[in-house]
Protein backbone atom coordinates (compact mmCIF):
# COMPACT_ATOMS: atom_id res chain seq x y z
CA MET A 1 -118.20 -81.44 -6.87
CA SER A 2 -115.74 -81.83 -3.99
CA HIS A 3 -117.11 -82.09 -0.48
CA PRO A 4 -115.61 -80.49 2.64
CA VAL A 5 -113.07 -82.50 4.61
CA LEU A 6 -115.13 -82.06 7.77
CA ALA A 7 -118.68 -80.83 8.30
CA CYS A 8 -121.32 -80.56 11.01
CA ARG A 9 -124.98 -81.02 10.23
CA ASP A 10 -127.26 -79.86 13.10
CA VAL A 11 -124.79 -81.23 15.66
CA ALA A 12 -125.82 -81.17 19.32
CA LYS A 13 -124.23 -82.70 22.40
CA LEU A 14 -126.46 -83.02 25.45
CA TYR A 15 -125.66 -84.25 28.94
CA GLY A 16 -128.26 -85.49 31.40
CA ALA A 17 -130.49 -88.48 32.11
CA LYS A 18 -133.29 -87.15 29.87
CA ALA A 19 -131.07 -86.01 26.99
CA ARG A 20 -132.44 -88.51 24.43
CA LYS A 21 -135.99 -87.34 25.10
CA PHE A 22 -135.22 -84.12 23.23
CA VAL A 23 -133.91 -85.71 20.03
CA VAL A 24 -136.52 -86.30 17.32
CA ASP A 25 -135.56 -87.76 13.93
CA GLY A 26 -131.91 -87.23 14.79
CA ARG A 27 -132.30 -83.52 15.57
CA LEU A 28 -132.52 -81.45 18.74
CA SER A 29 -136.17 -80.61 19.38
CA ALA A 30 -136.05 -78.19 22.34
CA ASP A 31 -134.65 -74.77 23.18
CA ALA A 32 -132.10 -74.04 25.90
CA ALA A 33 -134.71 -73.05 28.51
CA THR A 34 -136.66 -76.29 28.06
CA LEU A 35 -133.50 -78.35 28.29
CA ALA A 36 -132.36 -76.56 31.45
CA GLU A 37 -135.76 -77.08 33.09
CA ALA A 38 -135.40 -80.83 32.43
CA GLY A 39 -131.92 -80.90 33.95
CA VAL A 40 -130.23 -81.36 30.59
CA THR A 41 -127.07 -79.44 29.68
CA ALA A 42 -126.58 -78.52 26.03
CA ALA A 43 -122.82 -78.28 25.59
CA VAL A 44 -123.27 -77.91 21.81
CA ARG A 45 -126.50 -76.91 20.03
CA ASP A 46 -127.50 -76.89 16.36
CA VAL A 47 -124.01 -76.45 14.91
CA ASN A 48 -123.63 -76.35 11.13
CA LEU A 49 -120.26 -75.69 9.56
CA GLU A 50 -117.95 -76.84 6.78
CA ILE A 51 -114.15 -77.05 6.79
CA GLN A 52 -112.53 -77.13 3.36
CA ARG A 53 -109.34 -78.95 2.42
CA GLY A 54 -106.19 -76.94 3.18
CA GLN A 55 -108.13 -74.42 5.28
CA THR A 56 -107.20 -73.15 8.74
CA PHE A 57 -110.54 -73.06 10.56
CA VAL A 58 -110.58 -71.51 14.04
CA ILE A 59 -113.29 -72.28 16.60
CA MET A 60 -113.31 -69.74 19.38
CA GLY A 61 -115.26 -68.61 22.39
CA LEU A 62 -114.91 -68.04 26.11
CA SER A 63 -114.72 -70.85 28.68
CA GLY A 64 -117.95 -72.83 28.67
CA SER A 65 -118.89 -71.79 25.13
CA GLY A 66 -118.77 -75.40 23.89
CA LYS A 67 -115.72 -75.16 21.65
CA SER A 68 -113.77 -78.04 23.24
CA THR A 69 -116.85 -80.30 23.25
CA LEU A 70 -117.41 -79.50 19.59
CA VAL A 71 -113.82 -80.41 18.77
CA ARG A 72 -114.20 -83.72 20.59
CA CYS A 73 -117.16 -84.43 18.31
CA LEU A 74 -115.25 -83.32 15.21
CA SER A 75 -112.29 -85.55 16.07
CA GLY A 76 -114.41 -88.63 16.76
CA LEU A 77 -113.66 -88.71 20.48
CA THR A 78 -117.25 -87.92 21.53
CA ALA A 79 -120.38 -88.92 19.64
CA PRO A 80 -122.96 -86.14 19.18
CA THR A 81 -126.37 -86.65 20.74
CA ALA A 82 -128.04 -85.31 17.60
CA GLY A 83 -127.00 -84.43 14.07
CA ALA A 84 -124.02 -85.76 12.15
CA VAL A 85 -120.29 -85.11 11.80
CA LEU A 86 -119.17 -85.83 8.24
CA PHE A 87 -115.56 -86.78 7.51
CA GLU A 88 -114.77 -86.92 3.79
CA GLY A 89 -118.53 -86.93 3.14
CA ARG A 90 -119.36 -89.88 5.40
CA ASP A 91 -120.83 -89.85 8.91
CA LEU A 92 -117.82 -90.19 11.18
CA PHE A 93 -119.78 -92.21 13.72
CA LYS A 94 -121.04 -94.70 11.14
CA TYR A 95 -117.50 -96.06 10.80
CA SER A 96 -116.75 -99.17 12.83
CA GLU A 97 -114.68 -98.76 15.99
CA SER A 98 -111.64 -100.28 14.28
CA GLU A 99 -112.05 -97.94 11.28
CA LEU A 100 -112.37 -94.96 13.61
CA ILE A 101 -109.17 -95.95 15.38
CA GLN A 102 -107.36 -96.15 12.06
CA ILE A 103 -108.66 -92.72 11.02
CA ARG A 104 -107.40 -91.21 14.27
CA ARG A 105 -104.03 -92.93 13.93
CA HIS A 106 -103.40 -92.20 10.27
CA GLN A 107 -105.50 -89.23 9.19
CA MET A 108 -105.84 -87.03 12.28
CA GLY A 109 -103.17 -85.35 14.38
CA MET A 110 -103.77 -83.55 17.69
CA VAL A 111 -101.92 -80.98 19.79
CA PHE A 112 -103.32 -79.96 23.17
CA GLN A 113 -102.80 -77.09 25.60
CA HIS A 114 -101.02 -79.42 28.01
CA PHE A 115 -98.12 -80.87 26.10
CA ALA A 116 -98.85 -84.49 27.15
CA LEU A 117 -95.31 -85.61 26.34
CA LEU A 118 -94.19 -88.93 27.76
CA PRO A 119 -91.67 -87.90 30.46
CA HIS A 120 -89.62 -91.12 30.33
CA LEU A 121 -89.01 -90.82 26.57
CA ASN A 122 -86.56 -88.43 24.96
CA VAL A 123 -87.48 -86.04 22.12
CA LEU A 124 -86.75 -88.56 19.37
CA GLN A 125 -88.76 -91.29 21.09
CA ASN A 126 -91.70 -88.94 21.82
CA VAL A 127 -91.91 -87.84 18.19
CA ALA A 128 -91.61 -91.41 16.93
CA PHE A 129 -94.26 -92.75 19.32
CA PRO A 130 -97.30 -92.42 16.98
CA LEU A 131 -95.38 -94.35 14.33
CA GLU A 132 -94.65 -97.11 16.83
CA VAL A 133 -98.41 -97.31 17.49
CA GLN A 134 -98.90 -97.65 13.72
CA GLY A 135 -96.48 -100.61 13.69
CA ARG A 136 -93.72 -98.97 11.64
CA THR A 137 -90.19 -100.37 11.81
CA ARG A 138 -87.66 -98.70 14.07
CA ALA A 139 -85.67 -97.42 11.09
CA GLU A 140 -88.81 -95.88 9.56
CA ARG A 141 -89.87 -94.34 12.88
CA GLU A 142 -86.53 -92.75 13.59
CA ALA A 143 -86.02 -91.45 10.04
CA LYS A 144 -89.43 -89.75 10.09
CA ALA A 145 -88.92 -88.45 13.64
CA HIS A 146 -85.58 -86.87 12.70
CA GLN A 147 -87.27 -85.21 9.73
CA MET A 148 -90.06 -83.75 11.89
CA ILE A 149 -87.66 -82.62 14.62
CA GLU A 150 -85.66 -80.69 12.06
CA LEU A 151 -88.87 -79.26 10.58
CA VAL A 152 -89.85 -77.68 13.91
CA GLY A 153 -86.35 -76.38 14.64
CA LEU A 154 -85.23 -78.82 17.34
CA LYS A 155 -82.39 -80.57 15.53
CA GLY A 156 -79.64 -81.39 18.03
CA ARG A 157 -82.07 -81.91 20.94
CA GLU A 158 -83.14 -85.44 20.02
CA ALA A 159 -81.65 -87.00 23.17
CA ARG A 160 -83.13 -84.51 25.64
CA PHE A 161 -86.04 -85.36 27.89
CA PRO A 162 -89.15 -83.15 28.26
CA SER A 163 -88.02 -81.88 31.67
CA GLU A 164 -84.89 -80.46 30.01
CA LEU A 165 -86.87 -78.34 27.54
CA SER A 166 -88.57 -74.96 27.78
CA GLY A 167 -92.35 -74.69 27.38
CA GLY A 168 -92.01 -73.54 23.79
CA GLN A 169 -89.64 -76.39 22.98
CA GLN A 170 -92.00 -78.91 24.58
CA GLN A 171 -94.83 -77.61 22.43
CA ARG A 172 -92.63 -77.93 19.33
CA VAL A 173 -92.09 -81.59 20.26
CA GLY A 174 -95.88 -81.96 20.52
CA ILE A 175 -96.28 -80.42 17.08
CA ALA A 176 -93.57 -82.65 15.59
CA ARG A 177 -95.17 -85.72 17.16
CA SER A 178 -98.62 -84.85 15.81
CA LEU A 179 -97.19 -84.32 12.31
CA ALA A 180 -95.09 -87.49 12.28
CA ALA A 181 -98.00 -89.64 11.10
CA ASP A 182 -98.60 -87.15 8.23
CA PRO A 183 -102.25 -86.46 9.15
CA ASP A 184 -104.68 -84.97 6.64
CA LEU A 185 -106.53 -83.19 9.44
CA TRP A 186 -104.69 -81.41 12.26
CA PHE A 187 -106.46 -80.45 15.51
CA LEU A 188 -104.85 -77.87 17.81
CA ASP A 189 -106.83 -77.35 21.03
CA GLU A 190 -105.64 -74.11 22.69
CA PRO A 191 -102.07 -75.27 22.08
CA PHE A 192 -100.33 -72.04 23.10
CA SER A 193 -102.47 -70.66 25.93
CA ALA A 194 -100.03 -71.92 28.60
CA LEU A 195 -97.10 -70.08 27.01
CA ASP A 196 -95.91 -66.54 27.73
CA PRO A 197 -96.82 -63.90 25.08
CA LEU A 198 -93.48 -63.82 23.25
CA ILE A 199 -93.24 -67.61 22.95
CA ARG A 200 -96.90 -67.75 22.02
CA ARG A 201 -96.35 -65.40 19.09
CA GLU A 202 -93.34 -67.45 17.98
CA MET A 203 -95.47 -70.59 18.00
CA GLN A 204 -98.21 -68.85 15.98
CA ASP A 205 -95.52 -67.94 13.46
CA GLU A 206 -94.41 -71.58 13.50
CA VAL A 207 -97.92 -72.81 12.66
CA LEU A 208 -98.14 -70.26 9.83
CA ARG A 209 -94.74 -71.40 8.53
CA LEU A 210 -95.63 -75.08 8.70
CA GLN A 211 -99.01 -74.51 7.10
CA GLY A 212 -97.33 -72.62 4.26
CA MET A 213 -95.16 -75.69 3.64
CA LEU A 214 -97.51 -78.58 4.39
CA LYS A 215 -100.98 -77.25 3.43
CA LYS A 216 -102.80 -79.25 6.12
CA THR A 217 -106.45 -78.88 7.00
CA ILE A 218 -106.31 -77.31 10.47
CA VAL A 219 -108.96 -77.00 13.18
CA PHE A 220 -107.56 -74.58 15.77
CA ILE A 221 -109.25 -73.80 19.10
CA THR A 222 -108.63 -70.56 20.98
CA HIS A 223 -110.35 -67.96 23.17
CA ASP A 224 -108.09 -65.18 21.82
CA PHE A 225 -109.42 -63.23 18.81
CA ASP A 226 -105.99 -61.72 18.05
CA GLU A 227 -104.57 -65.24 17.75
CA ALA A 228 -107.50 -66.35 15.60
CA ALA A 229 -107.12 -63.34 13.30
CA ARG A 230 -103.42 -64.08 12.76
CA ILE A 231 -103.77 -67.66 11.64
CA ALA A 232 -107.35 -68.27 10.42
CA ASP A 233 -108.89 -68.47 7.00
CA ARG A 234 -112.31 -68.80 8.64
CA ILE A 235 -113.44 -68.29 12.25
CA ALA A 236 -116.50 -69.64 14.08
CA ILE A 237 -117.43 -67.74 17.26
CA MET A 238 -119.36 -69.79 19.83
CA LYS A 239 -121.54 -68.78 22.78
CA ASP A 240 -123.56 -71.07 25.05
CA GLY A 241 -123.02 -74.04 22.76
CA LYS A 242 -124.15 -72.30 19.56
CA VAL A 243 -122.20 -70.82 16.70
CA GLU A 244 -122.96 -67.10 16.58
CA GLN A 245 -121.23 -66.39 13.26
CA ILE A 246 -118.72 -67.87 10.82
CA GLY A 247 -116.53 -65.70 8.62
CA SER A 248 -113.08 -64.32 8.01
CA ALA A 249 -111.62 -62.09 10.73
CA GLU A 250 -112.31 -59.14 8.44
CA GLU A 251 -115.97 -60.10 7.99
CA LEU A 252 -116.49 -60.60 11.73
CA VAL A 253 -115.01 -57.18 12.53
CA LEU A 254 -116.82 -55.25 9.78
CA THR A 255 -120.19 -57.04 9.71
CA PRO A 256 -120.85 -58.72 13.09
CA ALA A 257 -124.09 -60.71 12.95
CA THR A 258 -124.96 -60.37 16.66
CA ASP A 259 -124.26 -58.05 19.58
CA TYR A 260 -122.10 -60.80 21.07
CA VAL A 261 -119.84 -60.97 18.00
CA ARG A 262 -119.70 -57.16 17.95
CA ALA A 263 -118.56 -57.11 21.60
CA PHE A 264 -116.14 -59.99 21.03
CA THR A 265 -114.40 -58.21 18.17
CA ARG A 266 -114.65 -54.61 19.46
CA GLU A 267 -111.07 -54.45 20.74
CA ALA A 268 -109.58 -56.29 17.75
CA PRO A 269 -106.53 -54.57 16.21
CA ARG A 270 -108.26 -53.40 13.03
CA ALA A 271 -105.09 -52.15 11.39
CA LYS A 272 -103.61 -55.67 11.58
CA ILE A 273 -106.80 -57.41 10.39
CA LEU A 274 -108.42 -55.25 7.75
CA THR A 275 -107.09 -55.05 4.20
CA ALA A 276 -107.05 -52.28 1.63
CA ARG A 277 -110.02 -54.00 -0.03
CA ALA A 278 -112.04 -53.48 3.16
CA VAL A 279 -111.07 -49.80 3.45
CA MET A 280 -111.43 -48.75 -0.17
CA ARG A 281 -114.32 -46.72 -1.60
CA PRO A 282 -115.34 -46.18 -5.22
CA ALA A 283 -112.65 -44.24 -7.03
CA PRO A 284 -113.62 -40.76 -8.24
CA ALA A 285 -113.87 -40.71 -12.04
CA ASP A 286 -111.12 -38.11 -12.41
CA ALA A 287 -108.91 -39.38 -9.58
CA ARG A 288 -105.18 -38.83 -9.86
CA PHE A 289 -103.50 -41.36 -7.58
CA ALA A 290 -100.46 -40.58 -5.46
CA GLY A 291 -99.62 -44.29 -5.55
CA LEU A 292 -101.06 -47.79 -5.72
CA ILE A 293 -101.76 -50.23 -2.86
CA ASP A 294 -102.33 -53.97 -3.24
CA ALA A 295 -105.89 -54.94 -2.31
CA ARG A 296 -104.60 -57.70 0.00
CA ALA A 297 -102.26 -55.43 2.00
CA ARG A 298 -103.14 -54.95 5.69
CA ILE A 299 -103.81 -51.39 6.82
CA ALA A 300 -100.83 -51.53 9.20
CA ALA A 301 -98.55 -51.94 6.19
CA PHE A 302 -99.62 -48.73 4.47
CA ALA A 303 -101.24 -46.60 7.21
CA HIS A 304 -98.27 -44.26 7.67
CA GLN A 305 -98.00 -43.71 3.93
CA VAL A 306 -101.70 -42.72 3.61
CA GLU A 307 -101.98 -40.80 6.88
CA SER A 308 -99.13 -38.46 6.01
CA THR A 309 -100.93 -36.84 3.07
CA ASP A 310 -104.34 -35.74 1.80
CA ALA A 311 -103.67 -37.52 -1.48
CA VAL A 312 -105.77 -40.39 -2.88
CA TYR A 313 -104.27 -43.86 -3.43
CA GLY A 314 -105.57 -46.46 -5.84
CA VAL A 315 -106.33 -50.01 -4.67
CA VAL A 316 -105.27 -52.62 -7.19
CA ASP A 317 -105.59 -56.36 -7.73
CA ASN A 318 -103.40 -57.85 -10.47
CA GLY A 319 -102.99 -54.40 -11.99
CA ARG A 320 -106.73 -53.62 -12.07
CA ILE A 321 -108.02 -50.58 -10.15
CA LEU A 322 -110.69 -51.73 -7.66
CA GLY A 323 -111.19 -48.54 -5.67
CA ALA A 324 -109.47 -45.76 -3.78
CA ILE A 325 -108.28 -44.86 -0.29
CA ASP A 326 -107.50 -41.57 1.38
CA ARG A 327 -106.64 -40.63 4.94
CA LEU A 328 -110.18 -39.81 6.10
CA ALA A 329 -111.74 -42.95 4.60
CA MET A 330 -109.10 -45.12 6.28
CA ILE A 331 -109.53 -43.45 9.68
CA ASP A 332 -113.31 -43.93 9.49
CA VAL A 333 -112.87 -47.70 9.13
CA LEU A 334 -110.23 -47.91 11.86
CA VAL A 335 -112.43 -46.15 14.44
CA GLY A 336 -115.61 -47.94 13.34
CA ARG A 337 -117.39 -44.87 11.95
CA GLU A 338 -119.76 -44.87 8.98
CA PRO A 339 -117.32 -44.38 6.09
CA ARG A 340 -117.45 -41.27 3.93
CA SER A 341 -116.55 -41.12 0.25
CA VAL A 342 -113.00 -40.71 -0.92
CA ALA A 343 -112.23 -37.13 -1.92
CA ALA A 344 -111.66 -36.44 -5.58
């Protein structure tokens, strides 16, 4: 049985002089009120999650929710106070310091909100820098850097310096640099939040394009549910250091586990998130379908077609009828009403 690439087991990160007092047998032993009374801050509390190979896993929450602290634990930059972070099935913090350095250099790539490019190096040199740290030859470094620069659409700009690039171009350099070492695990910590909306959407498209080609395991941090819904396979929503719920965007919108998740997803663009499978109802036995809709299709792709008629459409997966959709059933889901049955 294969294990997840990355996992948290009861992970907590506490700050304060008395933090260790509240860890018993490797686990957090106090609630938030008790910790606060003792002057201890729980940046992360009792987190359990699994990230599968090739998955895009988004961790999201508002400022102060603990998402960035959790990512520092996941990437080996900060040791948890309690619990364990497992990388390829082994406790990440049981590796030696030299092993941990090698994992970060060879198996993990990172892109941050602030581009962190080296201003005195040109694009080619910035992208090649991680390979220089690895001790690769100049010919190897430059060949790989050219390949990555072309991959992110910056061919022809190799000799430019960061100050000569737009924000979106700088972030593409950051992406190319993080991919140059061919990491298994790719961390993106609010990488596009400093960009204007149009560039931000372009960069989301770029991540989707690259993921389609490279099939990396991605941990993506954001506070924007629309962004999470566009790129994620799974989403973890955090509040006050705890994970409120983990699921697909569709699951979080349709079946929120807490009032906080319900409020967080209330304004989500349902038509762009929900699929025909989520909208469909049991098909009437004698239904005559006006057409067929793929179960994976987003509502936005077929809404006009269904809204313009009172007819019933079949929902199919690999040619098999799964259910049915009509105008009223679709509108119920879009406005968050209790759905009614599809008309015969």
